[in-house]
């Protein structure tokens, strides 16, 4: 019984090897198709992320957690006094107002 099984296994293995050698010619084509499918999948996912919009509840929760800047009135008064006292400081403030990105 054991002797009968060995030739079957050998024959099956031999048939698998011959079929795989025939398919080996087309392995480059399978690789190109696989890469194209992965590329398409990534593009579809990116497009989905680009067109996604946040929900109104997510926007509201982020607005609640964001901190608005607080300006101390004493600092504002002190800057106004400095601007009024010095000509060079006045020029500095005027320059900053005319070009805030400098």
Protein backbone atom coordinates (compact mmCIF):
# COMPACT_ATOMS: atom_id res chain seq x y z
CA UNK A 1 0.00 0.00 0.00
CA UNK A 2 2.84 2.36 0.84
CA UNK A 3 4.58 1.53 -2.45
CA UNK A 4 1.45 2.45 -4.40
CA UNK A 5 1.26 5.90 -2.81
CA UNK A 6 4.86 6.91 -3.55
CA UNK A 7 4.56 6.85 -7.36
CA UNK A 8 1.34 8.87 -7.13
CA UNK A 9 3.04 11.52 -5.07
CA UNK A 10 6.02 11.58 -7.40
CA UNK A 11 3.78 11.81 -10.44
CA UNK A 12 1.75 14.62 -8.87
CA UNK A 13 4.91 16.47 -7.94
CA UNK A 14 6.27 16.05 -11.45
CA UNK A 15 3.03 17.34 -12.99
CA UNK A 16 3.08 20.37 -10.67
CA UNK A 17 6.68 21.12 -11.67
CA UNK A 18 5.90 20.92 -15.37
CA UNK A 19 2.84 23.15 -14.99
CA UNK A 20 4.80 25.68 -12.96
CA UNK A 21 7.54 25.80 -15.60
CA UNK A 22 4.90 26.60 -18.22
CA UNK A 23 3.47 29.35 -16.02
CA UNK A 24 6.90 30.76 -15.21
CA UNK A 25 6.93 32.44 -18.63
CA UNK A 26 4.01 34.59 -17.56
CA UNK A 27 5.25 35.46 -14.06
CA UNK A 28 6.46 38.91 -15.20
CA UNK A 29 2.97 39.64 -16.50
CA UNK A 30 1.45 38.60 -13.19
CA UNK A 31 3.91 40.86 -11.39
CA UNK A 32 3.00 43.84 -13.57
CA UNK A 33 -0.72 43.20 -13.03
CA UNK A 34 -0.16 42.95 -9.28
CA UNK A 35 1.76 46.24 -9.17
CA UNK A 36 -0.93 47.92 -11.30
CA UNK A 37 -3.66 46.68 -8.96
CA UNK A 38 -1.78 47.95 -5.90
CA UNK A 39 -1.20 51.31 -7.59
CA UNK A 40 -4.90 51.57 -8.47
CA UNK A 41 -5.92 50.69 -4.93
CA UNK A 42 -3.65 53.37 -3.49
CA UNK A 43 -5.03 55.96 -5.92
CA UNK A 44 -8.61 55.09 -5.01
CA UNK A 45 -7.82 55.37 -1.29
CA UNK A 46 -6.09 58.73 -1.76
CA UNK A 47 -9.05 60.02 -3.74
CA UNK A 48 -11.35 58.89 -0.94
CA UNK A 49 -9.29 60.76 1.64
CA UNK A 50 -9.20 63.91 -0.50
CA UNK A 51 -12.96 64.02 -0.95
CA UNK A 52 -13.78 63.24 2.69
CA UNK A 53 -15.30 66.12 4.65
CA UNK A 54 -15.47 66.34 8.42
CA UNK A 55 -18.84 66.11 10.09
CA UNK A 56 -20.38 69.13 11.78
CA UNK A 57 -20.03 67.47 15.20
CA UNK A 58 -16.28 66.98 14.64
CA UNK A 59 -15.92 70.63 13.64
CA UNK A 60 -17.89 71.76 16.69
CA UNK A 61 -15.83 69.61 19.07
CA UNK A 62 -12.57 70.97 17.62
CA UNK A 63 -13.81 74.53 17.93
CA UNK A 64 -14.66 73.95 21.59
CA UNK A 65 -11.21 72.57 22.37
CA UNK A 66 -9.24 75.26 20.52
CA UNK A 67 -7.81 77.97 22.72
CA UNK A 68 -8.34 81.55 21.67
CA UNK A 69 -5.46 83.90 22.42
CA UNK A 70 -5.85 86.23 25.38
CA UNK A 71 -4.19 89.63 25.20
CA UNK A 72 -3.38 91.33 28.46
CA UNK A 73 -4.60 94.91 28.47
CA UNK A 74 -1.60 96.03 30.54
CA UNK A 75 0.74 94.85 27.79
CA UNK A 76 -1.27 96.75 25.18
CA UNK A 77 -1.13 99.93 27.24
CA UNK A 78 2.60 99.57 27.80
CA UNK A 79 3.25 99.07 24.07
CA UNK A 80 1.19 102.15 23.27
CA UNK A 81 3.18 104.19 25.79
CA UNK A 82 6.48 102.95 24.31
CA UNK A 83 5.31 103.80 20.82
CA UNK A 84 4.38 107.32 21.84
CA UNK A 85 7.68 107.94 23.67
CA UNK A 86 10.25 106.88 21.09
CA UNK A 87 10.57 107.83 17.43
CA UNK A 88 12.57 104.68 16.59
CA UNK A 89 9.89 102.51 18.17
CA UNK A 90 7.23 104.36 16.16
CA UNK A 91 9.18 103.62 12.97
CA UNK A 92 9.49 99.97 13.99
CA UNK A 93 5.75 99.69 14.59
CA UNK A 94 4.94 101.41 11.28
CA UNK A 95 7.28 99.08 9.42
CA UNK A 96 5.72 96.04 11.08
CA UNK A 97 2.24 97.26 10.18
CA UNK A 98 3.13 97.83 6.54
CA UNK A 99 4.84 94.42 6.12
CA UNK A 100 3.78 91.93 8.81
CA UNK A 101 5.61 89.01 7.16
CA UNK A 102 9.06 90.51 7.45
